[in-house]
Amino acid sequence: MIRQYFRYREPNGPLVRLPLLPVSIRYKQKEVPVFALVDSGSDLSIFPASLTKTLGIDMKAGNPEEIWVVGQFEILTPESAF
Protein backbone atom coordinates (compact mmCIF):
# COMPACT_ATOMS: atom_id res chain seq x y z
CA MET A 1 0.00 0.00 0.00
CA ILE A 2 1.36 3.42 -0.95
CA ARG A 3 1.43 5.74 2.06
CA GLN A 4 3.48 8.69 0.84
CA TYR A 5 2.63 11.14 -1.91
CA PHE A 6 4.33 13.89 -3.89
CA ARG A 7 2.02 16.88 -3.79
CA TYR A 8 2.07 19.77 -6.23
CA ARG A 9 -0.23 22.38 -7.65
CA GLU A 10 -0.07 23.86 -11.14
CA PRO A 11 -0.72 27.63 -11.24
CA ASN A 12 -4.47 28.12 -10.71
CA GLY A 13 -4.91 24.35 -10.81
CA PRO A 14 -6.03 21.65 -8.42
CA LEU A 15 -3.81 19.94 -5.89
CA VAL A 16 -2.34 16.76 -7.39
CA ARG A 17 -1.07 13.82 -5.34
CA LEU A 18 1.20 11.30 -7.07
CA PRO A 19 2.32 8.11 -5.31
CA LEU A 20 5.89 7.64 -4.09
CA LEU A 21 7.40 4.17 -4.00
CA PRO A 22 10.38 3.20 -1.84
CA VAL A 23 13.14 1.75 -4.06
CA SER A 24 16.87 1.04 -3.80
CA ILE A 25 19.32 2.33 -6.39
CA ARG A 26 22.30 0.01 -6.65
CA TYR A 27 25.65 0.39 -8.44
CA LYS A 28 28.42 -2.14 -7.94
CA GLN A 29 28.69 -2.69 -4.16
CA LYS A 30 26.79 0.45 -3.07
CA GLU A 31 23.07 0.81 -2.51
CA VAL A 32 20.97 3.88 -1.64
CA PRO A 33 17.32 3.77 -0.51
CA VAL A 34 15.22 6.53 -2.12
CA PHE A 35 11.60 7.33 -2.92
CA ALA A 36 10.62 7.23 -6.60
CA LEU A 37 7.67 9.10 -8.07
CA VAL A 38 5.30 6.66 -9.75
CA ASP A 39 4.42 8.07 -13.17
CA SER A 40 2.84 5.38 -15.32
CA GLY A 41 2.95 7.66 -18.39
CA SER A 42 6.69 8.33 -18.23
CA ASP A 43 9.25 6.77 -20.54
CA LEU A 44 12.19 7.23 -18.16
CA SER A 45 13.11 7.83 -14.55
CA ILE A 46 15.16 10.79 -13.35
CA PHE A 47 17.06 10.97 -10.07
CA PRO A 48 19.17 13.76 -8.54
CA ALA A 49 22.75 13.99 -9.80
CA SER A 50 23.88 13.85 -6.17
CA LEU A 51 23.17 10.09 -6.25
CA THR A 52 26.07 9.65 -8.67
CA LYS A 53 28.52 10.86 -6.02
CA THR A 54 26.94 8.72 -3.33
CA LEU A 55 27.11 5.61 -5.54
CA GLY A 56 30.55 6.37 -6.99
CA ILE A 57 29.34 6.86 -10.58
CA ASP A 58 31.47 9.05 -12.86
CA MET A 59 28.71 11.10 -14.49
CA LYS A 60 31.16 12.77 -16.89
CA ALA A 61 32.02 9.38 -18.37
CA GLY A 62 28.46 8.95 -19.67
CA ASN A 63 26.78 10.42 -22.73
CA PRO A 64 24.77 13.62 -22.09
CA GLU A 65 21.12 13.64 -23.13
CA GLU A 66 18.76 16.55 -23.49
CA ILE A 67 15.45 16.23 -21.64
CA TRP A 68 12.49 18.55 -22.20
CA VAL A 69 10.06 19.31 -19.40
CA VAL A 70 6.66 20.89 -20.00
CA GLY A 71 4.72 22.98 -17.51
CA GLN A 72 5.32 24.89 -14.35
CA PHE A 73 4.31 23.84 -10.89
CA GLU A 74 4.83 24.69 -7.27
CA ILE A 75 6.17 21.97 -5.00
CA LEU A 76 4.36 21.90 -1.67
CA THR A 77 5.92 20.70 1.55
CA PRO A 78 3.95 18.23 3.68
CA GLU A 79 3.10 21.03 6.09
CA SER A 80 1.53 23.20 3.37
CA ALA A 81 -0.19 20.45 1.37
CA PHE A 82 -3.41 20.22 3.39
C-alpha atoms as a PDB file:
ATOM      1  CA  MET A   1       0.000   0.000   0.000  1.00  0.00           C
ATOM      2  CA  ILE A   2       1.356   3.423  -0.948  1.00  0.00           C
ATOM      3  CA  ARG A   3       1.427   5.740   2.062  1.00  0.00           C
ATOM      4  CA  GLN A   4       3.481   8.694   0.844  1.00  0.00           C
ATOM      5  CA  TYR A   5       2.629  11.140  -1.907  1.00  0.00           C
ATOM      6  CA  PHE A   6       4.333  13.890  -3.893  1.00  0.00           C
ATOM      7  CA  ARG A   7       2.024  16.884  -3.794  1.00  0.00           C
ATOM      8  CA  TYR A   8       2.069  19.769  -6.235  1.00  0.00           C
ATOM      9  CA  ARG A   9      -0.231  22.382  -7.653  1.00  0.00           C
ATOM     10  CA  GLU A  10      -0.066  23.865 -11.137  1.00  0.00           C
ATOM     11  CA  PRO A  11      -0.724  27.635 -11.242  1.00  0.00           C
ATOM     12  CA  ASN A  12      -4.466  28.117 -10.714  1.00  0.00           C
ATOM     13  CA  GLY A  13      -4.914  24.355 -10.815  1.00  0.00           C
ATOM     14  CA  PRO A  14      -6.034  21.649  -8.423  1.00  0.00           C
ATOM     15  CA  LEU A  15      -3.810  19.936  -5.885  1.00  0.00           C
ATOM     16  CA  VAL A  16      -2.341  16.761  -7.386  1.00  0.00           C
ATOM     17  CA  ARG A  17      -1.067  13.823  -5.343  1.00  0.00           C
ATOM     18  CA  LEU A  18       1.196  11.299  -7.068  1.00  0.00           C
ATOM     19  CA  PRO A  19       2.321   8.108  -5.306  1.00  0.00           C
ATOM     20  CA  LEU A  20       5.887   7.639  -4.091  1.00  0.00           C
ATOM     21  CA  LEU A  21       7.399   4.171  -4.003  1.00  0.00           C
ATOM     22  CA  PRO A  22      10.384   3.196  -1.839  1.00  0.00           C
ATOM     23  CA  VAL A  23      13.144   1.749  -4.061  1.00  0.00           C
ATOM     24  CA  SER A  24      16.869   1.041  -3.799  1.00  0.00           C
ATOM     25  CA  ILE A  25      19.319   2.335  -6.389  1.00  0.00           C
ATOM     26  CA  ARG A  26      22.300   0.006  -6.652  1.00  0.00           C
ATOM     27  CA  TYR A  27      25.648   0.390  -8.436  1.00  0.00           C
ATOM     28  CA  LYS A  28      28.418  -2.137  -7.936  1.00  0.00           C
ATOM     29  CA  GLN A  29      28.685  -2.691  -4.163  1.00  0.00           C
ATOM     30  CA  LYS A  30      26.795   0.452  -3.071  1.00  0.00           C
ATOM     31  CA  GLU A  31      23.065   0.807  -2.512  1.00  0.00           C
ATOM     32  CA  VAL A  32      20.965   3.875  -1.637  1.00  0.00           C
ATOM     33  CA  PRO A  33      17.323   3.769  -0.513  1.00  0.00           C
ATOM     34  CA  VAL A  34      15.221   6.526  -2.119  1.00  0.00           C
ATOM     35  CA  PHE A  35      11.599   7.327  -2.923  1.00  0.00           C
ATOM     36  CA  ALA A  36      10.615   7.234  -6.599  1.00  0.00           C
ATOM     37  CA  LEU A  37       7.672   9.103  -8.066  1.00  0.00           C
ATOM     38  CA  VAL A  38       5.299   6.657  -9.750  1.00  0.00           C
ATOM     39  CA  ASP A  39       4.423   8.066 -13.166  1.00  0.00           C
ATOM     40  CA  SER A  40       2.839   5.378 -15.324  1.00  0.00           C
ATOM     41  CA  GLY A  41       2.949   7.658 -18.388  1.00  0.00           C
ATOM     42  CA  SER A  42       6.692   8.330 -18.233  1.00  0.00           C
ATOM     43  CA  ASP A  43       9.254   6.766 -20.544  1.00  0.00           C
ATOM     44  CA  LEU A  44      12.194   7.234 -18.158  1.00  0.00           C
ATOM     45  CA  SER A  45      13.107   7.834 -14.547  1.00  0.00           C
ATOM     46  CA  ILE A  46      15.158  10.795 -13.346  1.00  0.00           C
ATOM     47  CA  PHE A  47      17.060  10.971 -10.074  1.00  0.00           C
ATOM     48  CA  PRO A  48      19.169  13.758  -8.545  1.00  0.00           C
ATOM     49  CA  ALA A  49      22.746  13.993  -9.796  1.00  0.00           C
ATOM     50  CA  SER A  50      23.877  13.846  -6.167  1.00  0.00           C
ATOM     51  CA  LEU A  51      23.168  10.093  -6.254  1.00  0.00           C
ATOM     52  CA  THR A  52      26.074   9.647  -8.670  1.00  0.00           C
ATOM     53  CA  LYS A  53      28.518  10.863  -6.023  1.00  0.00           C
ATOM     54  CA  THR A  54      26.935   8.716  -3.330  1.00  0.00           C
ATOM     55  CA  LEU A  55      27.111   5.612  -5.536  1.00  0.00           C
ATOM     56  CA  GLY A  56      30.546   6.371  -6.994  1.00  0.00           C
ATOM     57  CA  ILE A  57      29.337   6.858 -10.581  1.00  0.00           C
ATOM     58  CA  ASP A  58      31.466   9.047 -12.864  1.00  0.00           C
ATOM     59  CA  MET A  59      28.712  11.103 -14.492  1.00  0.00           C
ATOM     60  CA  LYS A  60      31.156  12.775 -16.895  1.00  0.00           C
ATOM     61  CA  ALA A  61      32.025   9.376 -18.365  1.00  0.00           C
ATOM     62  CA  GLY A  62      28.455   8.949 -19.667  1.00  0.00           C
ATOM     63  CA  ASN A  63      26.776  10.422 -22.726  1.00  0.00           C
ATOM     64  CA  PRO A  64      24.774  13.622 -22.089  1.00  0.00           C
ATOM     65  CA  GLU A  65      21.125  13.636 -23.130  1.00  0.00           C
ATOM     66  CA  GLU A  66      18.758  16.549 -23.491  1.00  0.00           C
ATOM     67  CA  ILE A  67      15.449  16.230 -21.641  1.00  0.00           C
ATOM     68  CA  TRP A  68      12.493  18.553 -22.203  1.00  0.00           C
ATOM     69  CA  VAL A  69      10.059  19.314 -19.399  1.00  0.00           C
ATOM     70  CA  VAL A  70       6.664  20.887 -20.004  1.00  0.00           C
ATOM     71  CA  GLY A  71       4.719  22.976 -17.508  1.00  0.00           C
ATOM     72  CA  GLN A  72       5.323  24.895 -14.348  1.00  0.00           C
ATOM     73  CA  PHE A  73       4.308  23.839 -10.893  1.00  0.00           C
ATOM     74  CA  GLU A  74       4.834  24.691  -7.273  1.00  0.00           C
ATOM     75  CA  ILE A  75       6.174  21.970  -4.996  1.00  0.00           C
ATOM     76  CA  LEU A  76       4.363  21.898  -1.673  1.00  0.00           C
ATOM     77  CA  THR A  77       5.923  20.702   1.546  1.00  0.00           C
ATOM     78  CA  PRO A  78       3.955  18.230   3.677  1.00  0.00           C
ATOM     79  CA  GLU A  79       3.102  21.034   6.087  1.00  0.00           C
ATOM     80  CA  SER A  80       1.528  23.199   3.371  1.00  0.00           C
ATOM     81  CA  ALA A  81      -0.193  20.447   1.373  1.00  0.00           C
ATOM     82  CA  PHE A  82      -3.407  20.223   3.395  1.00  0.00           C
END
